[in-house]
């Protein structure tokens, strides 16, 4: 594989590798390769953005679950307080020591406190449903990860590699 001899100019030629039957791919037009690469970069950035948005959405939904849980706890505490007060008022009513209007107000307060507990329970359940699965099992996050590492970004890499190989 080495050829030693004289150069056309008459000077000695050192060693030079000679490859037999070497094939070369047709040159790739740089604008096409640049476009393909730019599309790939755009696809990856969109996928990263989708993952970040999904992560933030899950975080926000987690916060909503915590807020709803706190609201439920507050509603239960308020209900317990109203139940204790209403028991006192109802006892005084049986002895005839309280006006009927006070008893009616206490019944209304009790009903309101019970409905607030029911509403807080419904809000908590809704927040849990909106949150969905936690972590990587969450559909929003799974979809964003698939775009980043699966079909979306990967196909962009493949297209760029095919364009350069042409």
Protein backbone atom coordinates (compact mmCIF):
# COMPACT_ATOMS: atom_id res chain seq x y z
CA UNK A 1 0.00 0.00 0.00
CA UNK A 2 2.95 2.32 0.17
CA UNK A 3 4.39 3.83 -2.94
CA UNK A 4 7.94 5.11 -2.88
CA UNK A 5 9.40 6.93 -5.80
CA UNK A 6 10.11 10.27 -7.31
CA UNK A 7 7.74 13.13 -7.59
CA UNK A 8 7.22 14.74 -10.99
CA UNK A 9 9.46 17.53 -9.86
CA UNK A 10 12.30 15.05 -9.51
CA UNK A 11 12.35 15.10 -5.72
CA UNK A 12 11.85 12.01 -3.58
CA UNK A 13 8.40 11.11 -2.39
CA UNK A 14 8.18 9.76 1.11
CA UNK A 15 5.32 7.46 1.83
CA UNK A 16 1.78 8.02 0.77
CA UNK A 17 -1.19 5.74 1.45
CA UNK A 18 -3.02 4.62 -1.63
CA UNK A 19 -6.60 3.42 -1.33
CA UNK A 20 -8.01 1.23 -4.01
CA UNK A 21 -11.59 1.65 -5.18
CA UNK A 22 -12.53 4.23 -2.60
CA UNK A 23 -16.13 5.47 -2.94
CA UNK A 24 -17.34 8.85 -1.86
CA UNK A 25 -20.87 9.96 -1.16
CA UNK A 26 -22.28 12.79 -3.16
CA UNK A 27 -21.69 16.11 -1.44
CA UNK A 28 -24.50 17.33 0.79
CA UNK A 29 -25.75 20.79 0.12
CA UNK A 30 -25.14 22.71 3.30
CA UNK A 31 -28.38 24.67 3.19
CA UNK A 32 -30.37 21.37 3.24
CA UNK A 33 -28.28 19.94 6.08
CA UNK A 34 -28.55 23.21 8.00
CA UNK A 35 -32.33 23.24 7.53
CA UNK A 36 -32.63 19.65 8.71
CA UNK A 37 -30.42 20.33 11.71
CA UNK A 38 -32.33 23.52 12.53
CA UNK A 39 -35.62 21.59 12.35
CA UNK A 40 -34.16 18.98 14.69
CA UNK A 41 -33.05 21.63 17.17
CA UNK A 42 -36.50 23.23 17.00
CA UNK A 43 -38.17 19.85 17.60
CA UNK A 44 -35.94 19.15 20.62
CA UNK A 45 -36.58 22.62 22.08
CA UNK A 46 -40.34 22.23 21.63
CA UNK A 47 -40.19 18.85 23.37
CA UNK A 48 -38.13 20.29 26.24
CA UNK A 49 -40.62 23.12 26.57
CA UNK A 50 -43.53 20.66 26.60
CA UNK A 51 -41.82 18.64 29.34
CA UNK A 52 -41.18 21.76 31.41
CA UNK A 53 -44.79 22.89 30.97
CA UNK A 54 -46.09 19.44 31.93
CA UNK A 55 -43.87 19.39 35.00
CA UNK A 56 -45.08 22.84 36.03
CA UNK A 57 -48.70 21.84 35.43
CA UNK A 58 -48.29 18.76 37.61
CA UNK A 59 -46.64 20.91 40.28
CA UNK A 60 -49.51 23.40 40.11
CA UNK A 61 -52.05 20.58 40.32
CA UNK A 62 -50.17 19.14 43.31
CA UNK A 63 -50.41 22.53 44.99
CA UNK A 64 -54.14 22.62 44.24
CA UNK A 65 -54.56 19.24 45.95
CA UNK A 66 -52.75 20.58 49.04
CA UNK A 67 -54.86 23.75 49.05
CA UNK A 68 -58.05 21.69 48.73
CA UNK A 69 -56.93 19.41 51.55
CA UNK A 70 -56.31 22.45 53.77
CA UNK A 71 -59.74 23.88 52.87
CA UNK A 72 -61.36 20.57 53.80
CA UNK A 73 -59.54 20.51 57.13
CA UNK A 74 -60.63 24.07 57.84
CA UNK A 75 -64.25 23.27 56.92
CA UNK A 76 -64.23 20.22 59.24
CA UNK A 77 -62.83 22.29 62.12
CA UNK A 78 -65.48 24.96 61.53
CA UNK A 79 -68.20 22.28 61.42
CA UNK A 80 -67.02 20.82 64.73
CA UNK A 81 -67.08 24.29 66.30
CA UNK A 82 -70.60 24.96 65.00
CA UNK A 83 -71.75 21.54 66.24
CA UNK A 84 -70.46 22.29 69.76
CA UNK A 85 -72.09 25.74 69.77
CA UNK A 86 -75.36 24.40 68.38
CA UNK A 87 -75.47 21.68 71.05
CA UNK A 88 -75.26 24.40 73.71
CA UNK A 89 -77.93 26.51 72.02
CA UNK A 90 -80.26 23.50 71.58
CA UNK A 91 -79.82 22.63 75.26
CA UNK A 92 -80.64 26.18 76.28
CA UNK A 93 -83.63 26.10 73.90
CA UNK A 94 -85.04 23.04 75.68
CA UNK A 95 -84.92 25.03 78.93
CA UNK A 96 -86.59 27.98 77.21
CA UNK A 97 -83.64 30.30 77.78
CA UNK A 98 -82.97 31.23 74.11
CA UNK A 99 -85.06 33.05 71.55
CA UNK A 100 -86.38 30.96 68.66
CA UNK A 101 -84.55 33.23 66.20
CA UNK A 102 -81.21 32.28 67.84
CA UNK A 103 -82.05 28.59 67.46
CA UNK A 104 -83.02 29.09 63.81
CA UNK A 105 -79.76 30.95 63.15
CA UNK A 106 -77.80 28.11 64.75
CA UNK A 107 -79.58 25.52 62.56
CA UNK A 108 -78.73 27.59 59.48
CA UNK A 109 -75.09 27.90 60.61
CA UNK A 110 -74.94 24.14 61.12
CA UNK A 111 -76.37 23.42 57.66
CA UNK A 112 -73.94 25.92 56.11
CA UNK A 113 -70.96 24.33 57.85
CA UNK A 114 -72.03 20.86 56.70
CA UNK A 115 -72.41 22.03 53.10
CA UNK A 116 -68.96 23.66 53.22
CA UNK A 117 -67.45 20.33 54.26
CA UNK A 118 -69.23 18.58 51.38
CA UNK A 119 -68.04 21.27 48.94
CA UNK A 120 -64.46 21.04 50.20
CA UNK A 121 -64.54 17.25 49.79
CA UNK A 122 -65.77 17.66 46.20
CA UNK A 123 -63.05 20.25 45.48
CA UNK A 124 -60.39 17.91 46.86
CA UNK A 125 -61.62 15.03 44.71
CA UNK A 126 -61.66 17.27 41.62
CA UNK A 127 -58.10 18.46 42.34
CA UNK A 128 -56.94 14.84 42.75
CA UNK A 129 -58.50 13.89 39.43
CA UNK A 130 -56.87 16.86 37.67
CA UNK A 131 -53.51 15.89 39.13
CA UNK A 132 -53.72 12.36 37.76
CA UNK A 133 -50.83 10.02 38.34
CA UNK A 134 -47.71 11.34 40.03
CA UNK A 135 -44.26 11.68 38.53
CA UNK A 136 -43.31 9.94 35.29
CA UNK A 137 -46.63 8.03 35.31
CA UNK A 138 -48.50 11.27 34.67
CA UNK A 139 -49.87 11.28 31.10
CA UNK A 140 -48.74 14.87 30.44
CA UNK A 141 -45.20 14.08 31.50
CA UNK A 142 -45.15 10.74 29.63
CA UNK A 143 -46.25 12.51 26.45
CA UNK A 144 -43.58 15.21 26.80
CA UNK A 145 -40.88 12.62 27.49
CA UNK A 146 -41.98 10.66 24.43
CA UNK A 147 -41.65 13.81 22.31
CA UNK A 148 -38.23 14.53 23.73
CA UNK A 149 -36.72 11.08 23.58
CA UNK A 150 -39.05 9.22 21.29
CA UNK A 151 -40.77 10.05 18.06
CA UNK A 152 -40.42 13.83 17.94
CA UNK A 153 -36.78 14.51 18.71
CA UNK A 154 -35.44 11.13 17.57
CA UNK A 155 -37.02 11.35 14.14
CA UNK A 156 -35.41 14.77 13.75
CA UNK A 157 -32.01 13.24 14.51
CA UNK A 158 -32.69 10.44 12.03
CA UNK A 159 -33.75 12.90 9.32
CA UNK A 160 -30.64 14.98 9.90
CA UNK A 161 -28.42 11.87 9.74
CA UNK A 162 -30.08 10.69 6.50
CA UNK A 163 -29.69 14.12 4.91
CA UNK A 164 -26.00 14.27 5.76
CA UNK A 165 -25.44 10.67 4.56
CA UNK A 166 -26.93 11.45 1.10
